[in-house]
């Protein structure tokens, strides 16, 4: 017959085993759910997407922690025509109204803002003297795309981790997409 001390010791061991199993399960689950760290995200930045002629220098950028009180943040991505013929950037749009994209021109001008279709963001590139439907890039030519994120666009509820995308289409409907992430604080 077990004494009270032995019963309590047995219950303590069972409780510790259950807690250990729970902690192990939580660790495995969180490894699959928690977003990639800045280091992992940065390591992806040298990749390029090669659907069609347009390639981008970075597919992903992490702003890290940003504050609503500090206002807009921006990043410039470089897009290159990787083909042997001219290509046209025919559409530029974003995944959310809080993000605007601008095509920076070689003469210092810029086209845009381009935003989310249906929310005031004009996606179609206007002809502006050097192409019938948009910005023409010669083989090997690079154009900069400035992306501006407004952390205040969603109001006070817009805090926490965000991820947004900018999408470019060429005249053949080939798509290149690049994304950014930020952790928004008040």
N, C-alpha and C. Protein backbone atom coordinates (compact mmCIF):
# COMPACT_ATOMS: atom_id res chain seq x y z
N UNK A 1 0.83 -1.17 0.00
CA UNK A 1 0.00 0.00 0.00
C UNK A 1 0.88 1.25 0.00
N UNK A 2 0.55 2.21 -0.92
CA UNK A 2 1.35 3.43 -1.05
C UNK A 2 0.97 4.43 0.03
N UNK A 3 1.95 5.10 0.52
CA UNK A 3 1.71 6.15 1.51
C UNK A 3 1.33 7.44 0.79
N UNK A 4 0.86 8.41 1.56
CA UNK A 4 0.52 9.71 0.98
C UNK A 4 1.71 10.34 0.28
N UNK A 5 2.90 10.16 0.85
CA UNK A 5 4.12 10.72 0.25
C UNK A 5 4.37 10.09 -1.12
N UNK A 6 4.20 8.77 -1.23
CA UNK A 6 4.43 8.08 -2.50
C UNK A 6 3.37 8.46 -3.52
N UNK A 7 2.11 8.63 -3.11
CA UNK A 7 1.04 9.07 -4.02
C UNK A 7 1.33 10.47 -4.55
N UNK A 8 1.77 11.37 -3.66
CA UNK A 8 2.09 12.73 -4.06
C UNK A 8 3.29 12.74 -5.00
N UNK A 9 4.28 11.92 -4.75
CA UNK A 9 5.46 11.83 -5.61
C UNK A 9 5.07 11.30 -6.98
N UNK A 10 4.19 10.30 -7.04
CA UNK A 10 3.72 9.74 -8.31
C UNK A 10 2.94 10.79 -9.10
N UNK A 11 2.07 11.56 -8.44
CA UNK A 11 1.29 12.61 -9.09
C UNK A 11 2.21 13.73 -9.61
N UNK A 12 3.23 14.05 -8.86
CA UNK A 12 4.19 15.08 -9.28
C UNK A 12 4.92 14.64 -10.54
N UNK A 13 5.34 13.39 -10.59
CA UNK A 13 6.05 12.88 -11.77
C UNK A 13 5.13 12.89 -12.99
N UNK A 14 3.89 12.45 -12.83
CA UNK A 14 2.93 12.45 -13.94
C UNK A 14 2.67 13.88 -14.41
N UNK A 15 2.50 14.81 -13.48
CA UNK A 15 2.28 16.21 -13.83
C UNK A 15 3.47 16.78 -14.60
N UNK A 16 4.68 16.49 -14.15
CA UNK A 16 5.88 16.97 -14.85
C UNK A 16 5.98 16.39 -16.25
N UNK A 17 5.64 15.13 -16.43
CA UNK A 17 5.67 14.51 -17.76
C UNK A 17 4.66 15.18 -18.68
N UNK A 18 3.44 15.44 -18.20
CA UNK A 18 2.42 16.11 -19.01
C UNK A 18 2.88 17.51 -19.39
N UNK A 19 3.46 18.24 -18.46
CA UNK A 19 3.97 19.60 -18.75
C UNK A 19 5.08 19.54 -19.78
N UNK A 20 6.00 18.59 -19.64
CA UNK A 20 7.10 18.45 -20.59
C UNK A 20 6.59 18.14 -21.99
N UNK A 21 5.61 17.25 -22.10
CA UNK A 21 5.01 16.93 -23.41
C UNK A 21 4.34 18.18 -23.98
N UNK A 22 3.63 18.94 -23.14
CA UNK A 22 2.98 20.16 -23.61
C UNK A 22 3.96 21.20 -24.11
N UNK A 23 5.05 21.39 -23.40
CA UNK A 23 6.08 22.36 -23.82
C UNK A 23 6.72 21.92 -25.13
N UNK A 24 7.02 20.63 -25.25
CA UNK A 24 7.60 20.12 -26.50
C UNK A 24 6.65 20.33 -27.67
N UNK A 25 5.38 20.02 -27.47
CA UNK A 25 4.38 20.23 -28.53
C UNK A 25 4.26 21.69 -28.92
N UNK A 26 4.26 22.56 -27.94
CA UNK A 26 4.18 24.00 -28.21
C UNK A 26 5.40 24.49 -28.99
N UNK A 27 6.57 23.99 -28.64
CA UNK A 27 7.79 24.39 -29.34
C UNK A 27 7.74 23.95 -30.80
N UNK A 28 7.29 22.74 -31.06
CA UNK A 28 7.18 22.24 -32.44
C UNK A 28 6.15 23.06 -33.21
N UNK A 29 5.00 23.32 -32.60
CA UNK A 29 3.95 24.08 -33.26
C UNK A 29 4.41 25.51 -33.57
N UNK A 30 5.06 26.17 -32.61
CA UNK A 30 5.48 27.56 -32.83
C UNK A 30 6.56 27.68 -33.89
N UNK A 31 7.39 26.66 -34.04
CA UNK A 31 8.41 26.69 -35.09
C UNK A 31 7.76 26.74 -36.46
N UNK A 32 6.61 26.13 -36.63
CA UNK A 32 5.90 26.11 -37.91
C UNK A 32 5.01 27.31 -38.12
N UNK A 33 4.65 28.05 -37.06
CA UNK A 33 3.69 29.14 -37.17
C UNK A 33 4.33 30.51 -37.13
N UNK A 34 5.36 30.70 -36.33
CA UNK A 34 5.97 32.02 -36.17
C UNK A 34 6.69 32.41 -37.46
N UNK A 35 6.50 33.66 -37.96
CA UNK A 35 7.13 34.09 -39.21
C UNK A 35 8.65 34.01 -39.15
N UNK A 36 9.22 33.95 -40.35
CA UNK A 36 10.68 33.89 -40.47
C UNK A 36 11.32 35.11 -39.83
N UNK A 37 12.49 34.92 -39.31
CA UNK A 37 13.22 36.03 -38.69
C UNK A 37 13.77 36.95 -39.77
N UNK A 38 14.23 38.11 -39.34
CA UNK A 38 14.82 39.07 -40.27
C UNK A 38 16.01 38.45 -40.99
N UNK A 39 16.79 37.64 -40.30
CA UNK A 39 17.95 37.01 -40.92
C UNK A 39 17.53 36.08 -42.05
N UNK A 40 16.50 35.26 -41.81
CA UNK A 40 16.02 34.37 -42.86
C UNK A 40 15.45 35.17 -44.02
N UNK A 41 14.70 36.24 -43.72
CA UNK A 41 14.11 37.04 -44.77
C UNK A 41 15.18 37.73 -45.60
N UNK A 42 16.21 38.25 -44.95
CA UNK A 42 17.28 38.92 -45.66
C UNK A 42 18.01 37.96 -46.58
N UNK A 43 18.13 36.71 -46.19
CA UNK A 43 18.84 35.76 -47.03
C UNK A 43 18.10 35.49 -48.33
N UNK A 44 16.80 35.78 -48.38
CA UNK A 44 16.02 35.58 -49.60
C UNK A 44 16.16 36.76 -50.56
N UNK A 45 16.78 37.85 -50.13
CA UNK A 45 16.75 39.09 -50.89
C UNK A 45 17.54 39.05 -52.19
N UNK A 46 18.42 38.08 -52.39
CA UNK A 46 19.20 38.03 -53.62
C UNK A 46 18.56 37.16 -54.69
N UNK A 47 17.35 36.68 -54.45
CA UNK A 47 16.66 35.86 -55.43
C UNK A 47 16.05 36.74 -56.50
N UNK A 48 15.82 36.17 -57.67
CA UNK A 48 15.09 36.89 -58.71
C UNK A 48 14.00 36.00 -59.25
N UNK A 49 12.97 36.60 -59.76
CA UNK A 49 11.88 35.88 -60.38
C UNK A 49 12.08 35.99 -61.88
N UNK A 50 11.98 34.89 -62.61
CA UNK A 50 12.33 34.93 -64.03
C UNK A 50 11.16 34.58 -64.94
N UNK A 51 9.92 34.74 -64.50
CA UNK A 51 8.78 34.57 -65.39
C UNK A 51 8.79 35.75 -66.35
N UNK A 52 9.02 35.53 -67.62
CA UNK A 52 9.03 36.64 -68.55
C UNK A 52 10.33 37.41 -68.50
N UNK A 53 10.29 38.62 -69.04
CA UNK A 53 11.50 39.41 -69.21
C UNK A 53 11.92 40.17 -67.96
N UNK A 54 10.98 40.54 -67.11
CA UNK A 54 11.29 41.38 -65.97
C UNK A 54 11.79 40.57 -64.78
N UNK A 55 12.91 41.00 -64.21
CA UNK A 55 13.43 40.40 -62.98
C UNK A 55 13.67 41.52 -61.97
N UNK A 56 13.55 41.19 -60.70
CA UNK A 56 13.70 42.18 -59.64
C UNK A 56 14.90 41.80 -58.79
N UNK A 57 15.60 42.83 -58.28
CA UNK A 57 16.82 42.57 -57.50
C UNK A 57 16.53 41.96 -56.14
N UNK A 58 15.37 42.23 -55.56
CA UNK A 58 14.98 41.67 -54.26
C UNK A 58 13.53 41.24 -54.34
N UNK A 59 13.24 40.01 -53.96
CA UNK A 59 11.85 39.57 -53.90
C UNK A 59 11.20 39.93 -52.58
N UNK A 60 12.01 40.19 -51.55
CA UNK A 60 11.48 40.42 -50.22
C UNK A 60 12.36 41.42 -49.47
N UNK A 61 11.69 42.32 -48.72
CA UNK A 61 12.41 43.26 -47.87
C UNK A 61 11.68 43.34 -46.53
N UNK A 62 12.43 43.37 -45.44
CA UNK A 62 11.85 43.48 -44.11
C UNK A 62 12.22 44.84 -43.52
N UNK A 63 11.22 45.71 -43.31
CA UNK A 63 11.46 47.00 -42.68
C UNK A 63 11.77 46.85 -41.19
N UNK A 64 11.44 45.70 -40.63
CA UNK A 64 11.60 45.52 -39.20
C UNK A 64 10.50 46.25 -38.46
N UNK A 65 10.82 46.79 -37.30
CA UNK A 65 9.83 47.49 -36.48
C UNK A 65 9.74 48.93 -36.95
N UNK A 66 8.51 49.37 -37.26
CA UNK A 66 8.27 50.76 -37.65
C UNK A 66 7.15 51.32 -36.78
N UNK A 67 7.15 52.63 -36.61
CA UNK A 67 6.17 53.27 -35.75
C UNK A 67 5.20 54.11 -36.57
N UNK A 68 3.92 54.04 -36.22
CA UNK A 68 2.91 54.85 -36.89
C UNK A 68 3.23 56.34 -36.73
N UNK A 69 3.76 56.71 -35.57
CA UNK A 69 4.03 58.13 -35.32
C UNK A 69 5.15 58.68 -36.20
N UNK A 70 6.00 57.80 -36.75
CA UNK A 70 7.09 58.24 -37.62
C UNK A 70 6.65 58.38 -39.08
N UNK A 71 5.44 57.96 -39.41
CA UNK A 71 4.91 58.14 -40.75
C UNK A 71 5.38 57.11 -41.76
N UNK A 72 5.29 57.48 -43.02
CA UNK A 72 5.56 56.57 -44.14
C UNK A 72 7.00 56.06 -44.16
N UNK A 73 7.16 54.85 -44.69
CA UNK A 73 8.48 54.29 -44.96
C UNK A 73 8.53 53.92 -46.43
N UNK A 74 9.73 53.92 -47.00
CA UNK A 74 9.84 53.59 -48.42
C UNK A 74 11.08 52.74 -48.69
N UNK A 75 11.04 52.07 -49.82
CA UNK A 75 12.13 51.21 -50.27
C UNK A 75 12.13 51.25 -51.79
N UNK A 76 13.32 51.27 -52.37
CA UNK A 76 13.45 51.25 -53.83
C UNK A 76 13.91 49.86 -54.26
N UNK A 77 13.14 49.26 -55.16
CA UNK A 77 13.48 47.98 -55.77
C UNK A 77 13.92 48.25 -57.20
N UNK A 78 14.81 47.43 -57.73
CA UNK A 78 15.28 47.59 -59.10
C UNK A 78 14.74 46.45 -59.96
N UNK A 79 14.14 46.82 -61.10
CA UNK A 79 13.58 45.86 -62.04
C UNK A 79 14.36 45.96 -63.34
N UNK A 80 14.79 44.81 -63.86
CA UNK A 80 15.63 44.78 -65.06
C UNK A 80 14.96 43.95 -66.14
N UNK A 81 15.11 44.40 -67.40
CA UNK A 81 14.67 43.62 -68.55
C UNK A 81 15.76 42.59 -68.83
N UNK A 82 15.47 41.34 -68.56
CA UNK A 82 16.43 40.25 -68.69
C UNK A 82 16.34 39.55 -70.05
N UNK A 83 15.63 40.14 -70.99
CA UNK A 83 15.46 39.50 -72.30
C UNK A 83 16.34 40.15 -73.35
N UNK A 84 16.28 39.63 -74.56
CA UNK A 84 17.07 40.15 -75.67
C UNK A 84 16.29 41.20 -76.48
N UNK A 85 15.04 41.47 -76.11
CA UNK A 85 14.23 42.44 -76.84
C UNK A 85 13.62 43.45 -75.86
N UNK A 86 13.13 44.55 -76.40
CA UNK A 86 12.44 45.53 -75.57
C UNK A 86 11.25 44.88 -74.87
N UNK A 87 10.96 45.34 -73.67
CA UNK A 87 9.75 44.90 -72.97
C UNK A 87 9.09 46.13 -72.36
N UNK A 88 7.81 46.04 -72.13
CA UNK A 88 7.04 47.17 -71.62
C UNK A 88 6.46 46.81 -70.26
N UNK A 89 6.68 47.68 -69.27
CA UNK A 89 5.96 47.54 -68.01
C UNK A 89 4.57 48.11 -68.27
N UNK A 90 3.57 47.24 -68.37
CA UNK A 90 2.24 47.70 -68.75
C UNK A 90 1.32 47.95 -67.56
N UNK A 91 1.56 47.27 -66.44
CA UNK A 91 0.73 47.48 -65.25
C UNK A 91 1.59 47.46 -63.99
N UNK A 92 1.20 48.29 -63.04
CA UNK A 92 1.82 48.31 -61.72
C UNK A 92 0.67 48.42 -60.72
N UNK A 93 0.64 47.53 -59.73
CA UNK A 93 -0.39 47.63 -58.70
C UNK A 93 0.10 47.00 -57.40
N UNK A 94 -0.63 47.30 -56.32
CA UNK A 94 -0.24 46.82 -54.99
C UNK A 94 -1.35 45.96 -54.40
N UNK A 95 -1.01 45.26 -53.33
CA UNK A 95 -1.97 44.35 -52.70
C UNK A 95 -2.89 45.06 -51.70
N UNK A 96 -2.60 46.31 -51.38
CA UNK A 96 -3.41 47.01 -50.37
C UNK A 96 -3.35 48.51 -50.62
N UNK A 97 -4.41 49.19 -50.20
CA UNK A 97 -4.49 50.64 -50.39
C UNK A 97 -3.47 51.41 -49.55
N UNK A 98 -2.87 50.75 -48.57
CA UNK A 98 -1.88 51.41 -47.72
C UNK A 98 -0.51 51.51 -48.39
N UNK A 99 -0.39 50.92 -49.57
CA UNK A 99 0.89 50.86 -50.28
C UNK A 99 0.76 51.54 -51.64
N UNK A 100 1.74 52.38 -51.97
CA UNK A 100 1.79 53.03 -53.28
C UNK A 100 3.12 52.70 -53.94
N UNK A 101 3.09 52.57 -55.25
CA UNK A 101 4.31 52.29 -56.01
C UNK A 101 4.49 53.38 -57.06
N UNK A 102 5.75 53.76 -57.30
CA UNK A 102 6.10 54.76 -58.29
C UNK A 102 7.19 54.19 -59.19
N UNK A 103 7.07 54.41 -60.49
CA UNK A 103 8.12 54.04 -61.43
C UNK A 103 9.01 55.28 -61.58
N UNK A 104 10.27 55.15 -61.18
CA UNK A 104 11.21 56.27 -61.27
C UNK A 104 11.84 56.29 -62.65
N UNK A 105 11.73 57.41 -63.33
CA UNK A 105 12.21 57.54 -64.70
C UNK A 105 13.66 58.00 -64.74
N UNK A 106 14.38 57.67 -65.82
CA UNK A 106 15.79 58.05 -65.93
C UNK A 106 16.02 59.56 -65.88
N UNK A 107 15.02 60.35 -66.33
CA UNK A 107 15.18 61.81 -66.35
C UNK A 107 14.88 62.46 -65.00
N UNK A 108 14.63 61.65 -63.96
CA UNK A 108 14.33 62.18 -62.64
C UNK A 108 12.85 62.28 -62.33
N UNK A 109 12.01 62.11 -63.35
CA UNK A 109 10.56 62.14 -63.12
C UNK A 109 10.09 60.81 -62.56
N UNK A 110 8.79 60.74 -62.30
CA UNK A 110 8.25 59.46 -61.86
C UNK A 110 6.80 59.33 -62.27
N UNK A 111 6.39 58.08 -62.46
CA UNK A 111 5.01 57.75 -62.79
C UNK A 111 4.35 57.18 -61.56
N UNK A 112 3.10 57.54 -61.33
CA UNK A 112 2.37 57.01 -60.19
C UNK A 112 1.72 58.14 -59.43
N UNK A 113 1.13 57.85 -58.31
CA UNK A 113 1.21 56.60 -57.57
C UNK A 113 0.31 55.52 -58.16
N UNK A 114 0.77 54.29 -58.07
CA UNK A 114 -0.01 53.12 -58.43
C UNK A 114 -0.37 52.41 -57.14
N UNK A 115 -1.61 51.99 -57.02
CA UNK A 115 -2.06 51.37 -55.78
C UNK A 115 -2.89 50.13 -56.04
N UNK A 116 -3.78 49.85 -55.11
CA UNK A 116 -4.63 48.67 -55.18
C UNK A 116 -5.75 48.91 -56.18
N UNK A 117 -5.92 48.03 -57.16
CA UNK A 117 -7.00 48.21 -58.13
C UNK A 117 -8.36 48.26 -57.42
N UNK A 118 -9.20 49.18 -57.87
CA UNK A 118 -10.51 49.33 -57.28
C UNK A 118 -10.54 50.24 -56.07
N UNK A 119 -9.39 50.72 -55.64
CA UNK A 119 -9.32 51.60 -54.48
C UNK A 119 -8.56 52.88 -54.82
N UNK A 120 -8.73 53.37 -56.02
CA UNK A 120 -8.09 54.61 -56.42
C UNK A 120 -6.70 54.44 -56.98
N UNK A 121 -6.20 53.22 -57.03
CA UNK A 121 -4.87 52.98 -57.57
C UNK A 121 -4.96 52.66 -59.05
N UNK A 122 -4.43 53.53 -59.88
CA UNK A 122 -4.46 53.32 -61.32
C UNK A 122 -3.41 52.29 -61.67
N UNK A 123 -3.82 51.14 -62.21
CA UNK A 123 -2.88 50.07 -62.50
C UNK A 123 -2.26 50.20 -63.88
N UNK A 124 -3.02 50.68 -64.87
CA UNK A 124 -2.52 50.76 -66.23
C UNK A 124 -1.47 51.86 -66.33
N UNK A 125 -0.36 51.54 -66.98
CA UNK A 125 0.69 52.53 -67.20
C UNK A 125 0.28 53.42 -68.36
N UNK A 126 0.35 54.73 -68.21
CA UNK A 126 0.01 55.61 -69.33
C UNK A 126 1.15 55.64 -70.35
N UNK A 127 0.80 55.80 -71.62
CA UNK A 127 1.83 56.06 -72.62
C UNK A 127 2.36 57.46 -72.35
N UNK A 128 3.65 57.64 -72.39
CA UNK A 128 4.19 58.97 -72.08
C UNK A 128 5.35 59.32 -73.01
N UNK A 129 5.16 59.04 -74.28
CA UNK A 129 6.13 59.50 -75.25
C UNK A 129 7.13 58.46 -75.70
N UNK A 130 7.43 57.46 -74.88
CA UNK A 130 8.42 56.48 -75.32
C UNK A 130 7.84 55.08 -75.44
N UNK A 131 6.55 54.95 -75.37
CA UNK A 131 5.95 53.64 -75.53
C UNK A 131 4.44 53.77 -75.64
N UNK A 132 3.81 52.86 -76.36
CA UNK A 132 2.37 52.97 -76.59
C UNK A 132 1.54 52.72 -75.33
N UNK A 133 2.01 51.87 -74.41
CA UNK A 133 1.16 51.50 -73.28
C UNK A 133 1.85 51.60 -71.93
N UNK A 134 3.10 51.98 -71.89
CA UNK A 134 3.77 52.03 -70.60
C UNK A 134 5.24 52.36 -70.74
N UNK A 135 6.01 51.93 -69.78
CA UNK A 135 7.44 52.23 -69.73
C UNK A 135 8.21 51.15 -70.47
N UNK A 136 8.93 51.54 -71.52
CA UNK A 136 9.71 50.59 -72.32
C UNK A 136 11.10 50.44 -71.73
N UNK A 137 11.52 49.20 -71.56
CA UNK A 137 12.87 48.90 -71.10
C UNK A 137 13.60 48.14 -72.19
N UNK A 138 14.75 48.66 -72.59
CA UNK A 138 15.60 47.98 -73.57
C UNK A 138 16.25 46.77 -72.89
N UNK A 139 16.79 45.84 -73.68
CA UNK A 139 17.46 44.68 -73.07
C UNK A 139 18.55 45.13 -72.09
N UNK A 140 18.52 44.57 -70.88
CA UNK A 140 19.51 44.90 -69.86
C UNK A 140 19.23 46.18 -69.10
N UNK A 141 18.24 46.95 -69.52
CA UNK A 141 17.94 48.23 -68.87
C UNK A 141 17.21 47.99 -67.54
N UNK A 142 17.51 48.85 -66.57
CA UNK A 142 16.93 48.74 -65.24
C UNK A 142 16.10 49.98 -64.93
N UNK A 143 14.99 49.76 -64.24
CA UNK A 143 14.15 50.86 -63.78
C UNK A 143 13.95 50.66 -62.28
N UNK A 144 13.91 51.76 -61.53
CA UNK A 144 13.67 51.68 -60.10
C UNK A 144 12.19 51.85 -59.81
N UNK A 145 11.70 51.05 -58.85
CA UNK A 145 10.32 51.13 -58.40
C UNK A 145 10.36 51.53 -56.92
N UNK A 146 9.85 52.72 -56.62
CA UNK A 146 9.80 53.16 -55.23
C UNK A 146 8.48 52.70 -54.62
N UNK A 147 8.58 52.02 -53.48
CA UNK A 147 7.40 51.53 -52.77
C UNK A 147 7.27 52.32 -51.48
N UNK A 148 6.08 52.88 -51.26
CA UNK A 148 5.83 53.68 -50.06
C UNK A 148 4.70 53.02 -49.27
N UNK A 149 4.98 52.71 -48.00
CA UNK A 149 3.98 52.10 -47.13
C UNK A 149 3.55 53.13 -46.08
N UNK A 150 2.23 53.31 -45.94
CA UNK A 150 1.67 54.24 -44.95
C UNK A 150 1.13 53.43 -43.77
N UNK A 151 1.85 53.39 -42.64
CA UNK A 151 1.39 52.60 -41.51
C UNK A 151 0.13 53.15 -40.84
N UNK A 152 -0.27 54.37 -41.19
CA UNK A 152 -1.47 54.97 -40.60
C UNK A 152 -2.73 54.72 -41.43
N UNK A 153 -2.61 54.10 -42.59
CA UNK A 153 -3.75 53.93 -43.49
C UNK A 153 -4.88 53.10 -42.88
N UNK A 154 -4.56 52.19 -41.99
CA UNK A 154 -5.59 51.34 -41.40
C UNK A 154 -6.02 51.82 -40.02
N UNK A 155 -5.56 52.98 -39.62
CA UNK A 155 -5.95 53.53 -38.32
C UNK A 155 -5.32 52.79 -37.15
N UNK A 156 -5.84 53.04 -35.95
CA UNK A 156 -5.24 52.45 -34.75
C UNK A 156 -5.24 50.92 -34.73
N UNK A 157 -6.14 50.30 -35.47
CA UNK A 157 -6.19 48.84 -35.50
C UNK A 157 -5.11 48.24 -36.39
N UNK A 158 -4.36 49.07 -37.09
CA UNK A 158 -3.37 48.59 -38.05
C UNK A 158 -2.02 48.26 -37.46
N UNK A 159 -1.96 47.88 -36.19
CA UNK A 159 -0.68 47.52 -35.58
C UNK A 159 -0.44 46.02 -35.70
N UNK A 160 0.83 45.65 -35.61
CA UNK A 160 1.19 44.24 -35.70
C UNK A 160 1.96 43.95 -36.97
N UNK A 161 2.12 42.68 -37.26
CA UNK A 161 2.88 42.24 -38.42
C UNK A 161 2.05 42.41 -39.70
N UNK A 162 2.64 43.03 -40.72
CA UNK A 162 1.97 43.18 -42.02
C UNK A 162 2.91 42.65 -43.10
N UNK A 163 2.32 42.21 -44.20
CA UNK A 163 3.08 41.86 -45.39
C UNK A 163 2.28 42.32 -46.60
N UNK A 164 2.93 43.05 -47.49
CA UNK A 164 2.28 43.61 -48.67
C UNK A 164 3.08 43.25 -49.92
N UNK A 165 2.41 43.37 -51.07
CA UNK A 165 3.05 43.02 -52.34
C UNK A 165 2.89 44.14 -53.35
N UNK A 166 3.86 44.22 -54.26
CA UNK A 166 3.80 45.09 -55.43
C UNK A 166 3.93 44.17 -56.63
N UNK A 167 3.06 44.37 -57.62
CA UNK A 167 3.01 43.49 -58.78
C UNK A 167 3.22 44.32 -60.04
N UNK A 168 4.11 43.84 -60.91
CA UNK A 168 4.33 44.45 -62.22
C UNK A 168 3.94 43.44 -63.28
N UNK A 169 3.34 43.93 -64.36
CA UNK A 169 3.02 43.07 -65.51
C UNK A 169 3.68 43.66 -66.74
N UNK A 170 4.18 42.76 -67.61
CA UNK A 170 4.70 43.24 -68.89
C UNK A 170 3.61 43.12 -69.94
N UNK A 171 3.93 43.49 -71.17
CA UNK A 171 2.93 43.51 -72.24
C UNK A 171 2.40 42.12 -72.58
N UNK A 172 3.10 41.07 -72.18
CA UNK A 172 2.66 39.69 -72.44
C UNK A 172 1.95 39.08 -71.23
N UNK A 173 1.59 39.92 -70.27
CA UNK A 173 0.90 39.51 -69.04
C UNK A 173 1.76 38.65 -68.11
N UNK A 174 3.09 38.64 -68.33
CA UNK A 174 3.99 38.00 -67.37
C UNK A 174 4.06 38.88 -66.13
N UNK A 175 4.13 38.25 -64.97
CA UNK A 175 4.05 38.96 -63.70
C UNK A 175 5.34 38.80 -62.91
N UNK A 176 5.78 39.89 -62.31
CA UNK A 176 6.85 39.83 -61.30
C UNK A 176 6.28 40.48 -60.04
N UNK A 177 6.47 39.82 -58.91
CA UNK A 177 5.91 40.30 -57.65
C UNK A 177 7.01 40.35 -56.60
N UNK A 178 7.03 41.42 -55.83
CA UNK A 178 7.95 41.51 -54.71
C UNK A 178 7.18 41.98 -53.49
N UNK A 179 7.65 41.56 -52.32
CA UNK A 179 6.90 41.82 -51.09
C UNK A 179 7.78 42.49 -50.04
N UNK A 180 7.10 43.06 -49.06
CA UNK A 180 7.81 43.60 -47.90
C UNK A 180 6.99 43.30 -46.66
N UNK A 181 7.69 43.34 -45.54
CA UNK A 181 7.08 43.06 -44.25
C UNK A 181 7.51 44.15 -43.27
N UNK A 182 6.64 44.40 -42.29
CA UNK A 182 6.97 45.32 -41.21
C UNK A 182 6.19 44.92 -39.97
N UNK A 183 6.72 45.28 -38.84
CA UNK A 183 6.01 45.13 -37.57
C UNK A 183 5.64 46.53 -37.13
N UNK A 184 4.35 46.85 -37.22
CA UNK A 184 3.87 48.21 -36.98
C UNK A 184 3.53 48.40 -35.50
N UNK A 185 4.07 49.48 -34.94
CA UNK A 185 3.77 49.85 -33.55
C UNK A 185 3.09 51.22 -33.55
N UNK A 186 2.38 51.55 -32.47
CA UNK A 186 1.67 52.85 -32.41
C UNK A 186 2.57 54.06 -32.52
